Amino acid sequence: MKLAALALLVGACLFLEAYVHWSLRIGVVYTHFFYIPIVLASVWYGKRAVAVAVLLGGVHFLSSWALTGAPGTESAARALMFVIVALVIGAVMDHLRREEEKAGSGSSCDLSKSPRVGLREWKALIPLPPNVKKIKEEGDVRALIRALRHKDAGIQYQAAEALGELRDPSAVEPLMNSLTGDRYAGVRWKAAEALARIGSPSVPSLVRVLSHPDDDVRWMAAIALGEIGDPSSVDALISLFSEDDRFVRSRAAYAVSRFGAGALDPLVRALEEGGPATRWGAAYALGKIGDPRGIDPLVGAIRDPDDEVLAEALASLSGMGDPAILRLLHEMEGMDAGDLRRAAEALSELPDRSMRESVHRLLDRTLPETRAAIVSAMKGGGRRKFEV
C-alpha cells in the first residue's frame, strides 16, 4: 500500500516536471511538491529513501540542462537539497526505530508496519518514552541504565526502581551518577534505595561519597549503607557524627544503629573518645540499638561535660527499660552535689513522661540519703519539674 502511494506521488512529480517545467517553462515552484514523496519515503524507509531523492533530483537536473543547454547551478543545488533532506530524515527515523526496538515499548514508531499514511505516522516522528516495566520484565539492564538519562524525571525514577529490583552490580556507577548529579530529589532518593538493594557491590562507591559537598548526597548515602549493613562502612559512617549539619549527623547515627550489636564496640569508643558531636551521635545510635551492653557506657555519659551529650544519653537510657534506669540511679548515688543536680535537671527536661515516672517508682531502691538528694534536685530542676 505504501509502495503504491509512493509510486503515485513520484509519478505525479515526473508529470509536473514534464508539464510545468517543459510545457509551461516554470522552473522553481513546482519542485516544492517533490518534498512530499521524499519526506514520506524517508519516514517509511529511512535512509533508503535517498533513492527517491536521487531519482527526482536527477530528473530535474537533467531536464534543466536539456532546456538551457548547460548544467545549471540552481537545479544542481535543488537536487542536492533533495538528497540531504532524505538523508537527514531517514537517519532520524532509523535511529528512532533502533531506540524503540531497544526499549521494547512496541509503540507506533515502527513505521514500516503502518498500514496507511496519516496522523499515526506523523506522531511517530516524536520519540516515545521507554516502557520501563516491560524492559524490567525482560531483564534488560543496559536499556534501564539508558533510561536513567531520560529527560523525564518520572522515567528516571522508574528506571532507578527497576534497577534496584534487578540488583545487577553493573548498575552501581550509573545509579551513583543519579545520586550525585540528578537535580530531582525523588530520583536521587530512589537511586540511593536501589544501591541499597544491590548491596555489597555498592559499598565502596557509597563510602566514597560520604565526603561529597552536597548534604543530601551524604545523608542519602549514609542511609543506604545502613540498609546494606556491611561492617566495613561503620567507621566511615561514624566519621559523619562530627558533621556541622545536624540532620546529616542524625541520619548517620540512625544508619549505624541499623548494624545492631555489630556496631557496639566502635560506638562505645566514639562515646568515650570522640568530640562532642561524635559523642552525641554515639549516644543516639546506642539508644536506637537498645542492646543491654550499651547501658554502662551510656550511664557513664551522664558525667559528660556537654549538655547535649548528657541529654541524649539520658534519652537513650529512657528507652532501655527499668534495668537501665536503676543502673542510672545507682550511678547518681556516687555523684557530687553539683553533678547530681545537673543530671536531675537534665532528667526533668526529658519529654518522656514514662521515664520520669520510672525514676519516681525506682527511687525506693536507692540509699535513703541519695534518694533525698535526688528528690530535692528533681523538685528544683528545669522548666518541667518532677512530681515526686
Protein backbone atom coordinates (compact mmCIF):
# COMPACT_ATOMS: atom_id res chain seq x y z
CA MET A 1 0.00 0.00 0.00
CA LYS A 2 2.76 2.45 0.91
CA LEU A 3 4.79 1.47 -2.10
CA ALA A 4 1.83 2.13 -4.38
CA ALA A 5 1.18 5.52 -2.76
CA LEU A 6 4.84 6.42 -3.14
CA ALA A 7 4.88 5.35 -6.78
CA LEU A 8 1.80 7.50 -7.43
CA LEU A 9 3.44 10.55 -5.84
CA VAL A 10 6.68 10.04 -7.76
CA GLY A 11 4.66 9.72 -10.96
CA ALA A 12 2.92 13.00 -10.13
CA CYS A 13 6.33 14.65 -9.68
CA LEU A 14 7.52 13.36 -13.06
CA PHE A 15 4.31 14.67 -14.66
CA LEU A 16 4.91 18.11 -13.10
CA GLU A 17 8.48 18.03 -14.36
CA ALA A 18 7.29 17.27 -17.87
CA TYR A 19 4.28 19.57 -18.00
CA VAL A 20 5.12 22.53 -15.73
CA HIS A 21 8.82 22.68 -16.50
CA TRP A 22 8.86 21.72 -20.18
CA SER A 23 5.47 22.97 -21.36
CA LEU A 24 4.86 25.97 -19.11
CA ARG A 25 8.54 26.82 -18.65
CA ILE A 26 8.10 27.36 -14.87
CA GLY A 27 11.39 26.48 -13.30
CA VAL A 28 11.03 26.60 -9.46
CA VAL A 29 7.67 26.49 -7.68
CA TYR A 30 6.51 23.03 -8.74
CA THR A 31 9.62 21.38 -7.24
CA HIS A 32 8.31 22.05 -3.71
CA PHE A 33 5.88 19.21 -4.36
CA PHE A 34 8.87 16.87 -4.71
CA TYR A 35 9.44 17.08 -0.94
CA ILE A 36 6.20 15.21 -0.24
CA PRO A 37 7.30 11.82 -1.63
CA ILE A 38 10.86 12.39 -0.40
CA VAL A 39 9.74 13.02 3.22
CA LEU A 40 7.20 10.20 3.23
CA ALA A 41 9.75 7.77 1.79
CA SER A 42 12.23 8.83 4.49
CA VAL A 43 9.64 8.29 7.23
CA TRP A 44 8.68 4.87 5.88
CA TYR A 45 12.01 3.51 4.68
CA GLY A 46 14.70 5.53 6.47
CA LYS A 47 17.87 6.35 4.60
CA ARG A 48 16.85 4.05 1.74
CA ALA A 49 14.60 6.93 0.65
CA VAL A 50 17.70 8.61 -0.79
CA ALA A 51 17.00 6.59 -3.94
CA VAL A 52 13.75 8.54 -4.44
CA ALA A 53 15.60 11.82 -3.83
CA VAL A 54 18.33 10.89 -6.32
CA LEU A 55 15.72 9.91 -8.94
CA LEU A 56 13.72 13.13 -8.66
CA GLY A 57 16.80 15.32 -8.25
CA GLY A 58 18.48 13.70 -11.24
CA VAL A 59 15.41 14.07 -13.48
CA HIS A 60 15.09 17.72 -12.51
CA PHE A 61 18.78 18.44 -13.10
CA LEU A 62 18.85 16.72 -16.50
CA SER A 63 15.61 18.40 -17.50
CA SER A 64 17.01 21.84 -16.66
CA TRP A 65 20.22 21.05 -18.53
CA ALA A 66 18.27 19.98 -21.60
CA LEU A 67 16.19 23.16 -21.56
CA THR A 68 19.06 25.61 -21.05
CA GLY A 69 21.76 23.77 -22.88
CA ALA A 70 24.12 23.91 -19.92
CA PRO A 71 24.24 22.39 -16.42
CA GLY A 72 22.62 24.89 -14.02
CA THR A 73 23.89 25.59 -10.52
CA GLU A 74 20.35 26.25 -9.20
CA SER A 75 18.98 22.92 -10.40
CA ALA A 76 22.08 21.13 -9.07
CA ALA A 77 21.68 22.80 -5.66
CA ARG A 78 17.98 21.87 -5.60
CA ALA A 79 18.77 18.25 -6.45
CA LEU A 80 21.42 18.16 -3.74
CA MET A 81 18.90 19.52 -1.21
CA PHE A 82 16.51 16.67 -2.05
CA VAL A 83 19.25 14.19 -1.19
CA ILE A 84 20.20 15.99 2.05
CA VAL A 85 16.56 16.08 3.25
CA ALA A 86 16.19 12.36 2.55
CA LEU A 87 19.39 11.51 4.38
CA VAL A 88 18.62 13.63 7.47
CA ILE A 89 15.02 12.49 7.94
CA GLY A 90 15.94 8.92 7.05
CA ALA A 91 18.78 8.88 9.60
CA VAL A 92 16.47 10.24 12.31
CA MET A 93 13.81 7.62 11.60
CA ASP A 94 16.36 4.80 11.54
CA HIS A 95 17.65 5.99 14.93
CA LEU A 96 14.14 6.13 16.39
CA ARG A 97 13.43 2.62 15.21
CA ARG A 98 16.62 1.30 16.81
CA GLU A 99 15.84 3.05 20.11
CA GLU A 100 12.29 1.75 20.09
CA GLU A 101 13.49 -1.78 19.48
CA LYS A 102 15.92 -1.50 22.39
CA ALA A 103 13.27 -0.05 24.67
CA GLY A 104 10.80 -2.72 23.65
CA SER A 105 7.83 -0.44 24.05
CA GLY A 106 6.04 -1.66 20.95
CA SER A 107 4.88 1.88 20.15
CA SER A 108 3.81 3.25 16.79
CA CYS A 109 7.36 4.30 15.99
CA ASP A 110 7.67 1.13 13.89
CA LEU A 111 6.57 2.97 10.76
CA SER A 112 7.49 0.22 8.35
CA LYS A 113 4.42 -1.71 9.59
CA SER A 114 1.99 1.21 9.46
CA PRO A 115 -0.97 0.40 7.17
CA ARG A 116 -1.59 3.89 5.85
CA VAL A 117 -0.38 7.48 5.68
CA GLY A 118 -1.93 9.62 8.41
CA LEU A 119 -1.72 11.06 11.91
CA ARG A 120 -0.11 7.95 13.30
CA GLU A 121 2.91 8.32 11.02
CA TRP A 122 3.41 11.96 11.88
CA LYS A 123 3.07 11.26 15.63
CA ALA A 124 5.77 8.64 15.18
CA LEU A 125 8.24 11.42 14.44
CA ILE A 126 8.15 12.15 18.18
CA PRO A 127 10.24 9.65 20.23
CA LEU A 128 8.08 7.96 22.85
CA PRO A 129 9.32 7.21 26.39
CA PRO A 130 10.61 3.72 27.08
CA ASN A 131 8.27 1.19 28.64
CA VAL A 132 10.25 0.66 31.85
CA LYS A 133 8.01 -2.10 33.14
CA LYS A 134 8.50 -4.17 30.01
CA ILE A 135 12.25 -3.52 29.98
CA LYS A 136 12.47 -4.72 33.59
CA GLU A 137 10.46 -7.85 32.79
CA GLU A 138 12.94 -8.58 30.00
CA GLY A 139 15.86 -8.01 32.42
CA ASP A 140 17.48 -5.52 30.06
CA VAL A 141 19.81 -3.70 32.48
CA ARG A 142 21.55 -1.73 29.73
CA ALA A 143 18.25 -0.28 28.50
CA LEU A 144 17.30 0.67 32.06
CA ILE A 145 20.65 2.40 32.51
CA ARG A 146 19.92 4.41 29.37
CA ALA A 147 16.51 5.27 30.79
CA LEU A 148 18.25 6.78 33.84
CA ARG A 149 19.41 9.54 31.48
CA HIS A 150 15.93 10.21 30.08
CA LYS A 151 14.82 13.85 30.26
CA ASP A 152 11.59 12.83 32.03
CA ALA A 153 12.13 12.58 35.81
CA GLY A 154 9.32 10.02 36.05
CA ILE A 155 11.14 7.69 33.66
CA GLN A 156 14.37 8.16 35.63
CA TYR A 157 12.54 7.30 38.86
CA GLN A 158 11.03 4.13 37.38
CA ALA A 159 14.36 3.09 35.90
CA ALA A 160 16.17 3.51 39.23
CA GLU A 161 13.48 1.50 41.00
CA ALA A 162 13.67 -1.26 38.38
CA LEU A 163 17.47 -1.44 38.61
CA GLY A 164 17.18 -1.85 42.36
CA GLU A 165 14.80 -4.76 41.88
CA LEU A 166 17.11 -6.44 39.36
CA ARG A 167 20.12 -5.91 41.68
CA ASP A 168 22.70 -6.04 38.91
CA PRO A 169 26.13 -4.75 40.07
CA SER A 170 26.74 -3.15 36.66
CA ALA A 171 24.13 -0.54 37.58
CA VAL A 172 26.10 0.77 40.58
CA GLU A 173 28.01 3.54 38.84
CA PRO A 174 25.05 4.79 36.74
CA LEU A 175 22.95 4.90 39.90
CA MET A 176 25.74 6.75 41.69
CA ASN A 177 25.65 9.31 38.89
CA SER A 178 21.94 9.76 39.53
CA LEU A 179 22.51 10.07 43.26
CA THR A 180 25.25 12.67 42.97
CA GLY A 181 24.24 14.51 39.83
CA ASP A 182 20.47 14.47 39.40
CA ARG A 183 18.56 17.61 40.28
CA TYR A 184 15.38 15.77 41.26
CA ALA A 185 15.30 14.80 44.94
CA GLY A 186 12.92 11.90 44.31
CA VAL A 187 15.21 10.38 41.69
CA ARG A 188 18.24 10.79 43.97
CA TRP A 189 16.47 9.05 46.83
CA LYS A 190 15.26 6.24 44.56
CA ALA A 191 18.84 5.80 43.29
CA ALA A 192 20.10 5.51 46.88
CA GLU A 193 17.38 2.99 47.62
CA ALA A 194 18.35 0.96 44.55
CA LEU A 195 22.01 0.99 45.59
CA ALA A 196 21.00 -0.34 49.00
CA ARG A 197 19.11 -3.19 47.35
CA ILE A 198 22.10 -4.07 45.17
CA GLY A 199 24.05 -4.44 48.42
CA SER A 200 27.76 -5.02 48.95
CA PRO A 201 28.88 -4.05 45.41
CA SER A 202 27.58 -0.54 46.18
CA VAL A 203 29.52 -0.09 49.41
CA PRO A 204 32.85 1.33 48.09
CA SER A 205 31.07 3.91 45.94
CA LEU A 206 28.69 4.93 48.73
CA VAL A 207 31.53 5.28 51.24
CA ARG A 208 33.40 7.44 48.74
CA VAL A 209 30.56 9.99 48.55
CA LEU A 210 30.23 10.37 52.32
CA SER A 211 32.56 13.32 51.81
CA HIS A 212 30.52 14.79 48.95
CA PRO A 213 29.89 18.56 49.24
CA ASP A 214 26.11 18.10 48.92
CA ASP A 215 24.45 17.43 52.31
CA ASP A 216 21.67 15.41 50.67
CA VAL A 217 24.13 13.09 48.96
CA ARG A 218 25.90 12.41 52.26
CA TRP A 219 22.82 11.53 54.29
CA MET A 220 21.23 9.51 51.48
CA ALA A 221 24.44 7.53 51.06
CA ALA A 222 24.57 7.02 54.85
CA ILE A 223 21.03 5.61 54.95
CA ALA A 224 21.82 3.28 52.03
CA LEU A 225 24.92 1.99 53.84
CA GLY A 226 22.86 1.40 56.97
CA GLU A 227 20.40 -0.67 54.96
CA ILE A 228 23.21 -2.74 53.45
CA GLY A 229 24.84 -3.36 56.84
CA ASP A 230 28.37 -4.05 55.62
CA PRO A 231 30.67 -3.78 58.70
CA SER A 232 33.43 -2.18 56.62
CA SER A 233 31.42 1.04 56.41
CA VAL A 234 30.81 1.57 60.15
CA ASP A 235 33.88 3.72 60.83
CA ALA A 236 33.18 5.88 57.76
CA LEU A 237 29.64 6.45 58.99
CA ILE A 238 30.79 7.31 62.50
CA SER A 239 33.05 9.95 60.99
CA LEU A 240 29.87 11.74 59.88
CA PHE A 241 28.87 12.22 63.54
CA SER A 242 31.15 15.25 63.59
CA GLU A 243 29.26 16.91 60.71
CA ASP A 244 28.16 20.52 61.12
CA ASP A 245 24.76 19.66 59.65
CA ARG A 246 22.67 18.15 62.43
CA PHE A 247 20.39 16.29 60.02
CA VAL A 248 23.36 14.56 58.37
CA ARG A 249 24.64 13.63 61.85
CA SER A 250 21.31 12.18 62.94
CA ARG A 251 20.86 10.20 59.69
CA ALA A 252 24.39 8.82 60.00
CA ALA A 253 23.74 7.82 63.62
CA TYR A 254 20.49 6.18 62.61
CA ALA A 255 22.30 4.33 59.81
CA VAL A 256 24.89 2.96 62.26
CA SER A 257 22.12 1.83 64.59
CA ARG A 258 20.88 -0.42 61.77
CA PHE A 259 24.04 -2.51 62.20
CA GLY A 260 22.80 -3.61 65.62
CA ALA A 261 25.18 -5.27 68.05
CA GLY A 262 27.91 -5.37 65.41
CA ALA A 263 28.41 -1.62 65.85
CA LEU A 264 28.63 -1.61 69.67
CA ASP A 265 32.42 -1.56 70.04
CA PRO A 266 33.12 1.33 67.63
CA LEU A 267 30.17 3.26 69.11
CA VAL A 268 31.44 2.84 72.66
CA ARG A 269 34.88 4.07 71.55
CA ALA A 270 33.24 7.07 69.87
CA LEU A 271 31.24 7.83 73.03
CA GLU A 272 34.36 7.72 75.18
CA GLU A 273 36.93 9.29 72.84
CA GLY A 274 35.18 11.45 70.25
CA GLY A 275 34.37 15.15 70.19
CA PRO A 276 31.02 16.46 71.48
CA ALA A 277 29.16 15.94 68.19
CA THR A 278 30.60 12.44 67.80
CA ARG A 279 29.69 11.55 71.38
CA TRP A 280 26.15 12.80 70.77
CA GLY A 281 25.80 10.60 67.68
CA ALA A 282 27.16 7.58 69.52
CA ALA A 283 24.70 8.07 72.38
CA TYR A 284 21.84 8.36 69.90
CA ALA A 285 22.85 5.22 68.00
CA LEU A 286 23.35 3.16 71.18
CA GLY A 287 19.86 4.10 72.29
CA LYS A 288 18.39 3.04 68.94
CA ILE A 289 20.20 -0.29 69.09
CA GLY A 290 18.93 -0.91 72.62
CA ASP A 291 21.47 -3.62 73.43
CA PRO A 292 21.90 -4.06 77.25
CA ARG A 293 25.67 -3.91 76.75
CA GLY A 294 25.24 -0.27 75.84
CA ILE A 295 23.78 0.63 79.26
CA ASP A 296 27.06 1.08 81.14
CA PRO A 297 28.67 3.34 78.52
CA LEU A 298 25.50 5.46 78.41
CA VAL A 299 25.33 5.67 82.17
CA GLY A 300 28.94 6.83 82.20
CA ALA A 301 27.95 9.59 79.75
CA ILE A 302 25.77 11.31 82.36
CA ARG A 303 29.04 12.84 83.59
CA ASP A 304 29.76 14.22 80.09
CA PRO A 305 30.57 17.95 80.20
CA ASP A 306 28.45 18.63 77.10
CA ASP A 307 24.77 19.19 77.88
CA GLU A 308 23.57 17.76 74.57
CA VAL A 309 25.53 14.54 75.07
CA LEU A 310 24.14 14.24 78.61
CA ALA A 311 20.58 14.77 77.39
CA GLU A 312 20.95 12.24 74.57
CA ALA A 313 22.46 9.64 76.91
CA LEU A 314 19.51 10.04 79.28
CA ALA A 315 17.04 9.86 76.39
CA SER A 316 18.66 6.65 75.19
CA LEU A 317 18.58 5.13 78.67
CA SER A 318 14.90 6.03 78.98
CA GLY A 319 14.05 3.64 76.18
CA MET A 320 16.01 0.71 77.63
CA GLY A 321 13.70 -0.13 80.50
CA ASP A 322 13.94 -0.40 84.29
CA PRO A 323 17.38 -2.10 84.39
CA ALA A 324 18.91 0.90 82.63
CA ILE A 325 17.10 3.43 84.85
CA LEU A 326 18.04 1.58 88.04
CA ARG A 327 21.66 1.46 86.88
CA LEU A 328 21.44 5.21 86.25
CA LEU A 329 20.11 5.89 89.75
CA HIS A 330 22.87 3.88 91.36
CA GLU A 331 25.41 5.84 89.32
CA MET A 332 23.86 9.05 90.60
CA GLU A 333 24.40 7.85 94.18
CA GLY A 334 28.12 8.38 93.81
CA MET A 335 27.96 11.84 92.22
CA ASP A 336 28.79 15.06 93.98
CA ALA A 337 26.02 17.59 94.62
CA GLY A 338 26.74 19.71 91.54
CA ASP A 339 26.82 16.80 89.09
CA LEU A 340 23.78 15.26 90.73
CA ARG A 341 21.73 18.43 90.35
CA ARG A 342 22.84 18.79 86.71
CA ALA A 343 21.79 15.21 85.94
CA ALA A 344 18.45 15.64 87.73
CA GLU A 345 17.74 18.84 85.82
CA ALA A 346 18.51 17.07 82.55
CA LEU A 347 16.10 14.32 83.55
CA SER A 348 13.41 16.89 84.27
CA GLU A 349 13.75 18.28 80.75
CA LEU A 350 13.17 14.93 79.03
CA PRO A 351 9.86 14.89 77.14
CA ASP A 352 9.39 11.21 78.05
CA ARG A 353 6.95 11.22 80.98
CA SER A 354 7.29 7.47 81.41
CA MET A 355 11.00 7.98 82.17
CA ARG A 356 10.19 10.38 84.99
CA GLU A 357 7.56 8.02 86.35
CA SER A 358 10.06 5.13 86.26
CA VAL A 359 12.61 7.20 88.16
CA HIS A 360 9.96 8.02 90.79
CA ARG A 361 8.99 4.35 91.11
CA LEU A 362 12.58 3.10 91.43
CA LEU A 363 13.79 5.70 93.91
CA ASP A 364 12.92 3.36 96.78
CA ARG A 365 15.75 1.09 95.66
CA THR A 366 18.40 3.73 96.27
CA LEU A 367 20.10 4.66 99.52
CA PRO A 368 17.99 6.96 101.76
CA GLU A 369 20.45 9.83 101.66
CA THR A 370 20.86 9.52 97.90
CA ARG A 371 17.09 9.32 97.41
CA ALA A 372 16.60 12.53 99.35
CA ALA A 373 19.26 14.30 97.30
CA ILE A 374 17.72 13.14 94.01
CA VAL A 375 14.20 14.16 95.10
CA SER A 376 15.45 17.57 96.13
CA ALA A 377 17.32 18.02 92.84
CA MET A 378 14.31 16.88 90.82
CA LYS A 379 11.95 19.28 92.54
CA GLY A 380 14.17 22.24 91.86
CA GLY A 381 15.42 21.36 88.39
CA GLY A 382 14.46 22.61 84.98
CA ARG A 383 11.37 24.06 83.39
CA ARG A 384 9.49 20.77 83.67
CA LYS A 385 9.50 19.89 87.39
CA PHE A 386 9.45 16.29 88.56
CA GLU A 387 6.48 15.43 90.70
CA VAL A 388 7.85 13.15 93.41
